[in-house]
Amino acid sequence: MNVSDVMRRSFATIKPEASLLDAARSLLETNQRGLPVIDDEGSLVGIISESDFLHRVELDIAAPPGNWLEEILGIEEDTPARRRMRARLVREAMSPDPVFVDDETTLDEVVTLMDARHVAQLPVVCGATVVGIVGHLELLRAVARALGSTAQNGSATAADR
């Protein structure tokens, strides 16, 4: 079975210039784990996911530790992690160059990639265009369908005996 057999074909995307508030609202409204970030040419340039919102100043979460000199002098280094904590636009907080799969990728390859990269959702591309999203929920639906057809075939076979 290929990813194109199970992927979500209706999904939201967002532009890099969009606000983080718009991204958060879109994630909440669509129940997606992440939003593909698409540039003006329609190319996938990043992904903004639920986890990109976890280390935020608004939550009073401590900044990642800097070096020992920073702690002694009481100054903050300007690190990428700290910039992301204060980001206001999608392009400042997104994960650039996201991992994605082709629409002909097998489900075995999808699960292997998700496990290796510790992600719950992947954009699906055909050529340079994002055509779908596959995540744990879509894989669970595929398992449920397979179990349902197995149960129906098993009960039909038992009734024939």
N, C-alpha and C. Protein backbone atom coordinates (compact mmCIF):
# COMPACT_ATOMS: atom_id res chain seq x y z
N MET A 1 0.85 -1.18 0.00
CA MET A 1 0.00 0.00 0.00
C MET A 1 0.90 1.24 0.00
N ASN A 2 0.53 2.23 -0.80
CA ASN A 2 1.29 3.47 -0.89
C ASN A 2 0.66 4.57 -0.05
N VAL A 3 1.44 5.61 0.22
CA VAL A 3 0.96 6.74 1.00
C VAL A 3 -0.23 7.42 0.32
N SER A 4 -0.27 7.40 -1.01
CA SER A 4 -1.38 8.04 -1.72
C SER A 4 -2.71 7.34 -1.45
N ASP A 5 -2.68 6.10 -0.97
CA ASP A 5 -3.89 5.36 -0.63
C ASP A 5 -4.50 5.81 0.70
N VAL A 6 -3.71 6.43 1.56
CA VAL A 6 -4.19 6.76 2.91
C VAL A 6 -4.06 8.23 3.29
N MET A 7 -3.33 9.01 2.50
CA MET A 7 -3.04 10.39 2.90
C MET A 7 -4.29 11.26 2.95
N ARG A 8 -4.20 12.31 3.75
CA ARG A 8 -5.25 13.33 3.82
C ARG A 8 -5.04 14.25 2.63
N ARG A 9 -6.08 14.42 1.83
CA ARG A 9 -5.98 15.25 0.63
C ARG A 9 -6.49 16.67 0.86
N SER A 10 -7.21 16.86 1.92
CA SER A 10 -7.70 18.19 2.29
C SER A 10 -6.91 18.63 3.52
N PHE A 11 -6.13 19.69 3.37
CA PHE A 11 -5.25 20.12 4.46
C PHE A 11 -4.96 21.60 4.31
N ALA A 12 -4.54 22.20 5.38
CA ALA A 12 -4.19 23.61 5.38
C ALA A 12 -2.69 23.78 5.19
N THR A 13 -2.32 24.88 4.56
CA THR A 13 -0.92 25.28 4.44
C THR A 13 -0.83 26.72 4.94
N ILE A 14 0.38 27.21 5.04
CA ILE A 14 0.57 28.59 5.49
C ILE A 14 1.78 29.18 4.78
N LYS A 15 1.82 30.48 4.68
CA LYS A 15 2.93 31.21 4.06
C LYS A 15 3.98 31.56 5.11
N PRO A 16 5.23 31.70 4.73
CA PRO A 16 6.28 32.05 5.69
C PRO A 16 6.06 33.41 6.35
N GLU A 17 5.39 34.34 5.67
CA GLU A 17 5.17 35.69 6.20
C GLU A 17 3.97 35.76 7.15
N ALA A 18 3.24 34.68 7.29
CA ALA A 18 2.06 34.68 8.17
C ALA A 18 2.50 34.80 9.63
N SER A 19 1.60 35.29 10.45
CA SER A 19 1.90 35.42 11.88
C SER A 19 1.80 34.06 12.57
N LEU A 20 2.49 33.94 13.68
CA LEU A 20 2.40 32.71 14.45
C LEU A 20 0.99 32.53 15.00
N LEU A 21 0.32 33.62 15.30
CA LEU A 21 -1.07 33.52 15.77
C LEU A 21 -1.93 32.86 14.70
N ASP A 22 -1.77 33.26 13.44
CA ASP A 22 -2.52 32.62 12.36
C ASP A 22 -2.19 31.13 12.25
N ALA A 23 -0.94 30.79 12.41
CA ALA A 23 -0.52 29.38 12.36
C ALA A 23 -1.14 28.60 13.50
N ALA A 24 -1.11 29.15 14.71
CA ALA A 24 -1.70 28.45 15.86
C ALA A 24 -3.20 28.24 15.65
N ARG A 25 -3.87 29.26 15.18
CA ARG A 25 -5.32 29.15 14.93
C ARG A 25 -5.61 28.09 13.87
N SER A 26 -4.81 28.07 12.82
CA SER A 26 -5.01 27.10 11.75
C SER A 26 -4.79 25.67 12.24
N LEU A 27 -3.77 25.48 13.06
CA LEU A 27 -3.53 24.14 13.63
C LEU A 27 -4.72 23.71 14.48
N LEU A 28 -5.24 24.62 15.28
CA LEU A 28 -6.38 24.29 16.14
C LEU A 28 -7.64 24.01 15.33
N GLU A 29 -7.88 24.81 14.30
CA GLU A 29 -9.09 24.65 13.50
C GLU A 29 -9.08 23.39 12.63
N THR A 30 -7.92 23.01 12.13
CA THR A 30 -7.83 21.88 11.21
C THR A 30 -7.48 20.56 11.88
N ASN A 31 -7.08 20.62 13.14
CA ASN A 31 -6.67 19.43 13.87
C ASN A 31 -5.49 18.73 13.19
N GLN A 32 -4.63 19.52 12.54
CA GLN A 32 -3.40 18.99 11.97
C GLN A 32 -2.30 19.09 13.01
N ARG A 33 -1.29 18.24 12.90
CA ARG A 33 -0.16 18.28 13.81
C ARG A 33 0.87 19.31 13.36
N GLY A 34 0.82 19.66 12.06
CA GLY A 34 1.74 20.63 11.51
C GLY A 34 1.19 21.19 10.21
N LEU A 35 1.70 22.34 9.83
CA LEU A 35 1.29 22.99 8.59
C LEU A 35 2.46 23.07 7.63
N PRO A 36 2.30 22.57 6.41
CA PRO A 36 3.34 22.80 5.42
C PRO A 36 3.44 24.31 5.15
N VAL A 37 4.66 24.81 5.10
CA VAL A 37 4.90 26.23 4.81
C VAL A 37 5.27 26.30 3.33
N ILE A 38 4.44 27.04 2.58
CA ILE A 38 4.56 27.11 1.13
C ILE A 38 4.91 28.53 0.72
N ASP A 39 5.93 28.69 -0.14
CA ASP A 39 6.31 30.03 -0.61
C ASP A 39 5.38 30.47 -1.75
N ASP A 40 5.63 31.65 -2.30
CA ASP A 40 4.78 32.20 -3.36
C ASP A 40 4.80 31.37 -4.63
N GLU A 41 5.85 30.59 -4.85
CA GLU A 41 5.93 29.73 -6.03
C GLU A 41 5.26 28.38 -5.80
N GLY A 42 4.77 28.14 -4.58
CA GLY A 42 4.10 26.88 -4.26
C GLY A 42 5.04 25.80 -3.78
N SER A 43 6.29 26.14 -3.51
CA SER A 43 7.28 25.15 -3.05
C SER A 43 7.23 25.01 -1.53
N LEU A 44 7.48 23.80 -1.09
CA LEU A 44 7.56 23.50 0.34
C LEU A 44 8.88 24.04 0.87
N VAL A 45 8.81 25.00 1.80
CA VAL A 45 10.03 25.61 2.35
C VAL A 45 10.21 25.32 3.84
N GLY A 46 9.21 24.73 4.46
CA GLY A 46 9.31 24.44 5.88
C GLY A 46 8.05 23.79 6.39
N ILE A 47 8.05 23.56 7.67
CA ILE A 47 6.86 23.05 8.34
C ILE A 47 6.82 23.69 9.72
N ILE A 48 5.63 24.06 10.15
CA ILE A 48 5.47 24.57 11.51
C ILE A 48 4.54 23.60 12.21
N SER A 49 5.02 23.04 13.30
CA SER A 49 4.27 21.99 13.98
C SER A 49 3.94 22.41 15.41
N GLU A 50 3.13 21.59 16.03
CA GLU A 50 2.76 21.85 17.42
C GLU A 50 3.99 22.05 18.29
N SER A 51 5.00 21.25 18.09
CA SER A 51 6.19 21.33 18.94
C SER A 51 6.94 22.65 18.77
N ASP A 52 6.78 23.32 17.63
CA ASP A 52 7.42 24.61 17.44
C ASP A 52 6.82 25.68 18.35
N PHE A 53 5.67 25.40 18.95
CA PHE A 53 5.01 26.35 19.84
C PHE A 53 5.30 26.07 21.32
N LEU A 54 5.99 24.99 21.62
CA LEU A 54 6.17 24.61 23.02
C LEU A 54 7.19 25.46 23.77
N HIS A 55 8.28 25.79 23.15
CA HIS A 55 9.33 26.58 23.81
C HIS A 55 9.12 28.04 23.48
N ARG A 56 8.17 28.64 24.17
CA ARG A 56 7.77 30.01 23.88
C ARG A 56 7.88 30.87 25.12
N VAL A 57 8.25 32.11 24.92
CA VAL A 57 8.36 33.08 26.00
C VAL A 57 7.01 33.26 26.69
N GLU A 58 5.93 33.21 25.89
CA GLU A 58 4.58 33.43 26.43
C GLU A 58 4.19 32.38 27.47
N LEU A 59 4.82 31.24 27.44
CA LEU A 59 4.53 30.18 28.41
C LEU A 59 5.44 30.22 29.63
N ASP A 60 6.30 31.24 29.70
CA ASP A 60 7.28 31.36 30.78
C ASP A 60 8.19 30.14 30.88
N ILE A 61 8.51 29.59 29.73
CA ILE A 61 9.43 28.45 29.70
C ILE A 61 10.84 29.01 29.61
N ALA A 62 11.73 28.44 30.42
CA ALA A 62 13.11 28.92 30.46
C ALA A 62 13.80 28.71 29.12
N ALA A 63 14.65 29.64 28.79
CA ALA A 63 15.44 29.53 27.56
C ALA A 63 16.42 28.39 27.70
N PRO A 64 16.81 27.78 26.59
CA PRO A 64 17.80 26.72 26.67
C PRO A 64 19.10 27.27 27.26
N PRO A 65 19.79 26.46 28.03
CA PRO A 65 21.01 26.97 28.67
C PRO A 65 22.06 27.37 27.66
N GLY A 66 22.76 28.46 27.97
CA GLY A 66 23.84 28.94 27.11
C GLY A 66 25.15 28.36 27.61
N ASN A 67 26.20 29.04 27.35
CA ASN A 67 27.50 28.56 27.81
C ASN A 67 27.78 29.05 29.24
N TRP A 68 28.80 28.55 29.86
CA TRP A 68 29.11 28.87 31.26
C TRP A 68 29.44 30.34 31.44
N LEU A 69 30.10 30.97 30.46
CA LEU A 69 30.46 32.38 30.56
C LEU A 69 29.21 33.26 30.56
N GLU A 70 28.24 32.86 29.77
CA GLU A 70 26.98 33.59 29.71
C GLU A 70 26.31 33.60 31.09
N GLU A 71 26.32 32.45 31.75
CA GLU A 71 25.70 32.35 33.07
C GLU A 71 26.43 33.23 34.09
N ILE A 72 27.76 33.22 34.07
CA ILE A 72 28.54 34.01 35.02
C ILE A 72 28.33 35.51 34.81
N LEU A 73 28.35 35.93 33.53
CA LEU A 73 28.21 37.35 33.23
C LEU A 73 26.76 37.83 33.20
N GLY A 74 25.82 36.89 33.17
CA GLY A 74 24.41 37.26 33.17
C GLY A 74 23.95 37.87 31.86
N ILE A 75 24.60 37.53 30.79
CA ILE A 75 24.16 38.02 29.48
C ILE A 75 23.61 36.86 28.67
N GLU A 76 22.68 37.16 27.78
CA GLU A 76 22.10 36.12 26.94
C GLU A 76 22.75 36.11 25.57
N GLU A 77 23.12 34.91 25.12
CA GLU A 77 23.61 34.75 23.76
C GLU A 77 22.43 34.81 22.82
N ASP A 78 22.69 35.25 21.62
CA ASP A 78 21.65 35.27 20.59
C ASP A 78 21.75 33.96 19.82
N THR A 79 21.07 32.92 20.31
CA THR A 79 21.12 31.61 19.68
C THR A 79 19.86 31.38 18.85
N PRO A 80 19.91 30.45 17.90
CA PRO A 80 18.71 30.15 17.12
C PRO A 80 17.53 29.72 18.00
N ALA A 81 17.79 28.95 19.04
CA ALA A 81 16.71 28.51 19.92
C ALA A 81 16.05 29.69 20.62
N ARG A 82 16.85 30.65 21.04
CA ARG A 82 16.28 31.82 21.71
C ARG A 82 15.54 32.73 20.74
N ARG A 83 16.05 32.83 19.52
CA ARG A 83 15.33 33.62 18.51
C ARG A 83 13.97 33.00 18.21
N ARG A 84 13.93 31.66 18.15
CA ARG A 84 12.65 30.98 17.90
C ARG A 84 11.66 31.21 19.03
N MET A 85 12.15 31.30 20.26
CA MET A 85 11.27 31.54 21.41
C MET A 85 10.57 32.89 21.31
N ARG A 86 11.21 33.86 20.66
CA ARG A 86 10.65 35.21 20.55
C ARG A 86 10.03 35.48 19.18
N ALA A 87 10.02 34.50 18.30
CA ALA A 87 9.55 34.67 16.93
C ALA A 87 8.09 35.11 16.90
N ARG A 88 7.75 35.89 15.89
CA ARG A 88 6.38 36.33 15.68
C ARG A 88 5.83 35.90 14.33
N LEU A 89 6.73 35.53 13.41
CA LEU A 89 6.32 35.10 12.08
C LEU A 89 6.65 33.62 11.88
N VAL A 90 5.90 32.98 11.02
CA VAL A 90 6.10 31.56 10.73
C VAL A 90 7.53 31.30 10.28
N ARG A 91 8.08 32.12 9.39
CA ARG A 91 9.43 31.87 8.86
C ARG A 91 10.49 31.89 9.95
N GLU A 92 10.24 32.58 11.06
CA GLU A 92 11.20 32.67 12.15
C GLU A 92 11.14 31.46 13.08
N ALA A 93 10.02 30.75 13.08
CA ALA A 93 9.83 29.64 14.01
C ALA A 93 9.75 28.27 13.34
N MET A 94 9.52 28.24 12.03
CA MET A 94 9.32 26.97 11.32
C MET A 94 10.61 26.15 11.27
N SER A 95 10.43 24.88 11.02
CA SER A 95 11.57 24.01 10.74
C SER A 95 11.81 24.06 9.24
N PRO A 96 12.96 24.61 8.82
CA PRO A 96 13.22 24.70 7.38
C PRO A 96 13.62 23.32 6.83
N ASP A 97 13.51 23.16 5.53
CA ASP A 97 13.89 21.92 4.85
C ASP A 97 13.27 20.69 5.53
N PRO A 98 11.94 20.64 5.59
CA PRO A 98 11.30 19.53 6.30
C PRO A 98 11.44 18.21 5.56
N VAL A 99 11.36 17.15 6.32
CA VAL A 99 11.35 15.82 5.72
C VAL A 99 9.95 15.63 5.11
N PHE A 100 9.91 15.00 3.95
CA PHE A 100 8.64 14.75 3.27
C PHE A 100 8.75 13.43 2.52
N VAL A 101 7.63 12.95 2.00
CA VAL A 101 7.62 11.73 1.22
C VAL A 101 6.97 11.99 -0.12
N ASP A 102 7.32 11.17 -1.09
CA ASP A 102 6.73 11.20 -2.42
C ASP A 102 5.39 10.47 -2.35
N ASP A 103 4.48 10.78 -3.26
CA ASP A 103 3.16 10.17 -3.23
C ASP A 103 3.17 8.68 -3.53
N GLU A 104 4.27 8.13 -3.99
CA GLU A 104 4.37 6.70 -4.25
C GLU A 104 5.14 5.94 -3.15
N THR A 105 5.49 6.62 -2.09
CA THR A 105 6.22 5.99 -0.98
C THR A 105 5.34 4.93 -0.33
N THR A 106 5.94 3.79 0.02
CA THR A 106 5.17 2.74 0.68
C THR A 106 4.92 3.10 2.13
N LEU A 107 3.89 2.53 2.71
CA LEU A 107 3.58 2.80 4.11
C LEU A 107 4.70 2.30 5.02
N ASP A 108 5.35 1.23 4.63
CA ASP A 108 6.49 0.74 5.40
C ASP A 108 7.58 1.80 5.47
N GLU A 109 7.86 2.44 4.34
CA GLU A 109 8.87 3.51 4.31
C GLU A 109 8.41 4.73 5.12
N VAL A 110 7.13 5.04 5.07
CA VAL A 110 6.58 6.17 5.82
C VAL A 110 6.78 5.95 7.31
N VAL A 111 6.39 4.78 7.79
CA VAL A 111 6.51 4.49 9.23
C VAL A 111 7.98 4.48 9.65
N THR A 112 8.83 3.91 8.84
CA THR A 112 10.27 3.89 9.16
C THR A 112 10.81 5.31 9.28
N LEU A 113 10.43 6.18 8.34
CA LEU A 113 10.88 7.57 8.35
C LEU A 113 10.33 8.33 9.56
N MET A 114 9.05 8.13 9.86
CA MET A 114 8.45 8.78 11.03
C MET A 114 9.17 8.36 12.32
N ASP A 115 9.45 7.07 12.43
CA ASP A 115 10.15 6.57 13.61
C ASP A 115 11.57 7.15 13.70
N ALA A 116 12.27 7.16 12.59
CA ALA A 116 13.66 7.63 12.58
C ALA A 116 13.75 9.13 12.88
N ARG A 117 12.80 9.90 12.38
CA ARG A 117 12.84 11.36 12.54
C ARG A 117 12.01 11.84 13.72
N HIS A 118 11.31 10.94 14.40
CA HIS A 118 10.48 11.29 15.56
C HIS A 118 9.44 12.34 15.20
N VAL A 119 8.74 12.10 14.09
CA VAL A 119 7.67 13.00 13.66
C VAL A 119 6.37 12.22 13.58
N ALA A 120 5.26 12.93 13.75
CA ALA A 120 3.95 12.31 13.73
C ALA A 120 3.20 12.56 12.43
N GLN A 121 3.78 13.38 11.56
CA GLN A 121 3.10 13.75 10.33
C GLN A 121 4.13 14.16 9.29
N LEU A 122 3.85 13.83 8.04
CA LEU A 122 4.75 14.18 6.94
C LEU A 122 3.97 14.77 5.78
N PRO A 123 4.50 15.81 5.14
CA PRO A 123 3.90 16.28 3.90
C PRO A 123 4.16 15.24 2.80
N VAL A 124 3.20 15.13 1.89
CA VAL A 124 3.34 14.24 0.74
C VAL A 124 3.43 15.12 -0.50
N VAL A 125 4.46 14.90 -1.31
CA VAL A 125 4.66 15.73 -2.50
C VAL A 125 4.60 14.89 -3.77
N CYS A 126 4.19 15.56 -4.83
CA CYS A 126 4.24 14.99 -6.17
C CYS A 126 4.89 16.07 -7.01
N GLY A 127 6.06 15.77 -7.52
CA GLY A 127 6.85 16.81 -8.19
C GLY A 127 7.31 17.79 -7.13
N ALA A 128 6.94 19.05 -7.29
CA ALA A 128 7.31 20.07 -6.30
C ALA A 128 6.10 20.55 -5.50
N THR A 129 4.96 19.89 -5.69
CA THR A 129 3.72 20.34 -5.06
C THR A 129 3.32 19.43 -3.91
N VAL A 130 2.92 20.04 -2.80
CA VAL A 130 2.39 19.27 -1.67
C VAL A 130 0.97 18.84 -2.04
N VAL A 131 0.75 17.53 -2.05
CA VAL A 131 -0.56 16.99 -2.46
C VAL A 131 -1.30 16.32 -1.32
N GLY A 132 -0.65 16.19 -0.17
CA GLY A 132 -1.31 15.53 0.95
C GLY A 132 -0.50 15.60 2.22
N ILE A 133 -1.10 15.05 3.24
CA ILE A 133 -0.47 14.93 4.57
C ILE A 133 -0.72 13.50 5.03
N VAL A 134 0.30 12.88 5.58
CA VAL A 134 0.10 11.57 6.19
C VAL A 134 0.63 11.65 7.61
N GLY A 135 -0.18 11.17 8.52
CA GLY A 135 0.20 11.18 9.92
C GLY A 135 -0.29 9.94 10.63
N HIS A 136 -0.08 9.92 11.91
CA HIS A 136 -0.50 8.78 12.71
C HIS A 136 -1.99 8.50 12.55
N LEU A 137 -2.80 9.55 12.49
CA LEU A 137 -4.25 9.38 12.37
C LEU A 137 -4.62 8.68 11.07
N GLU A 138 -4.01 9.07 9.95
CA GLU A 138 -4.29 8.43 8.67
C GLU A 138 -3.85 6.97 8.67
N LEU A 139 -2.72 6.70 9.31
CA LEU A 139 -2.24 5.32 9.41
C LEU A 139 -3.17 4.48 10.30
N LEU A 140 -3.67 5.08 11.36
CA LEU A 140 -4.61 4.39 12.24
C LEU A 140 -5.91 4.07 11.49
N ARG A 141 -6.38 5.02 10.68
CA ARG A 141 -7.59 4.77 9.87
C ARG A 141 -7.36 3.59 8.92
N ALA A 142 -6.17 3.52 8.31
CA ALA A 142 -5.85 2.42 7.40
C ALA A 142 -5.85 1.08 8.14
N VAL A 143 -5.30 1.08 9.34
CA VAL A 143 -5.30 -0.14 10.15
C VAL A 143 -6.73 -0.55 10.49
N ALA A 144 -7.56 0.41 10.88
CA ALA A 144 -8.96 0.12 11.23
C ALA A 144 -9.71 -0.45 10.03
N ARG A 145 -9.49 0.13 8.84
CA ARG A 145 -10.14 -0.41 7.63
C ARG A 145 -9.69 -1.84 7.37
N ALA A 146 -8.39 -2.08 7.50
CA ALA A 146 -7.86 -3.43 7.27
C ALA A 146 -8.41 -4.42 8.29
N LEU A 147 -8.48 -4.00 9.55
CA LEU A 147 -9.04 -4.88 10.59
C LEU A 147 -10.51 -5.14 10.34
N GLY A 148 -11.23 -4.10 9.88
CA GLY A 148 -12.65 -4.25 9.58
C GLY A 148 -12.90 -5.22 8.45
N SER A 149 -12.09 -5.13 7.39
CA SER A 149 -12.29 -6.04 6.27
C SER A 149 -11.86 -7.46 6.64
N THR A 150 -10.85 -7.58 7.48
CA THR A 150 -10.44 -8.90 7.96
C THR A 150 -11.54 -9.52 8.80
N ALA A 151 -12.15 -8.72 9.66
CA ALA A 151 -13.24 -9.22 10.51
C ALA A 151 -14.44 -9.64 9.67
N GLN A 152 -14.78 -8.84 8.64
CA GLN A 152 -15.90 -9.18 7.77
C GLN A 152 -15.61 -10.46 6.99
N ASN A 153 -14.41 -10.58 6.46
CA ASN A 153 -14.04 -11.78 5.72
C ASN A 153 -14.01 -13.00 6.63
N GLY A 154 -13.54 -12.82 7.85
CA GLY A 154 -13.49 -13.92 8.81
C GLY A 154 -14.88 -14.38 9.22
N SER A 155 -15.83 -13.46 9.43
CA SER A 155 -17.18 -13.85 9.82
C SER A 155 -17.93 -14.45 8.64
N ALA A 156 -17.66 -13.97 7.42
CA ALA A 156 -18.31 -14.54 6.23
C ALA A 156 -17.81 -15.96 6.02
N THR A 157 -16.53 -16.18 6.21
CA THR A 157 -15.96 -17.50 6.06
C THR A 157 -16.51 -18.44 7.11
N ALA A 158 -16.65 -17.98 8.34
CA ALA A 158 -17.18 -18.82 9.41
C ALA A 158 -18.65 -19.16 9.15
N ALA A 159 -19.41 -18.20 8.59
CA ALA A 159 -20.83 -18.44 8.31
C ALA A 159 -21.01 -19.43 7.17
N ASP A 160 -20.03 -19.50 6.27
CA ASP A 160 -20.12 -20.41 5.13
C ASP A 160 -19.89 -21.85 5.53
N ARG A 161 -19.31 -22.05 6.70
CA ARG A 161 -18.96 -23.42 7.12
C ARG A 161 -20.14 -24.18 7.59
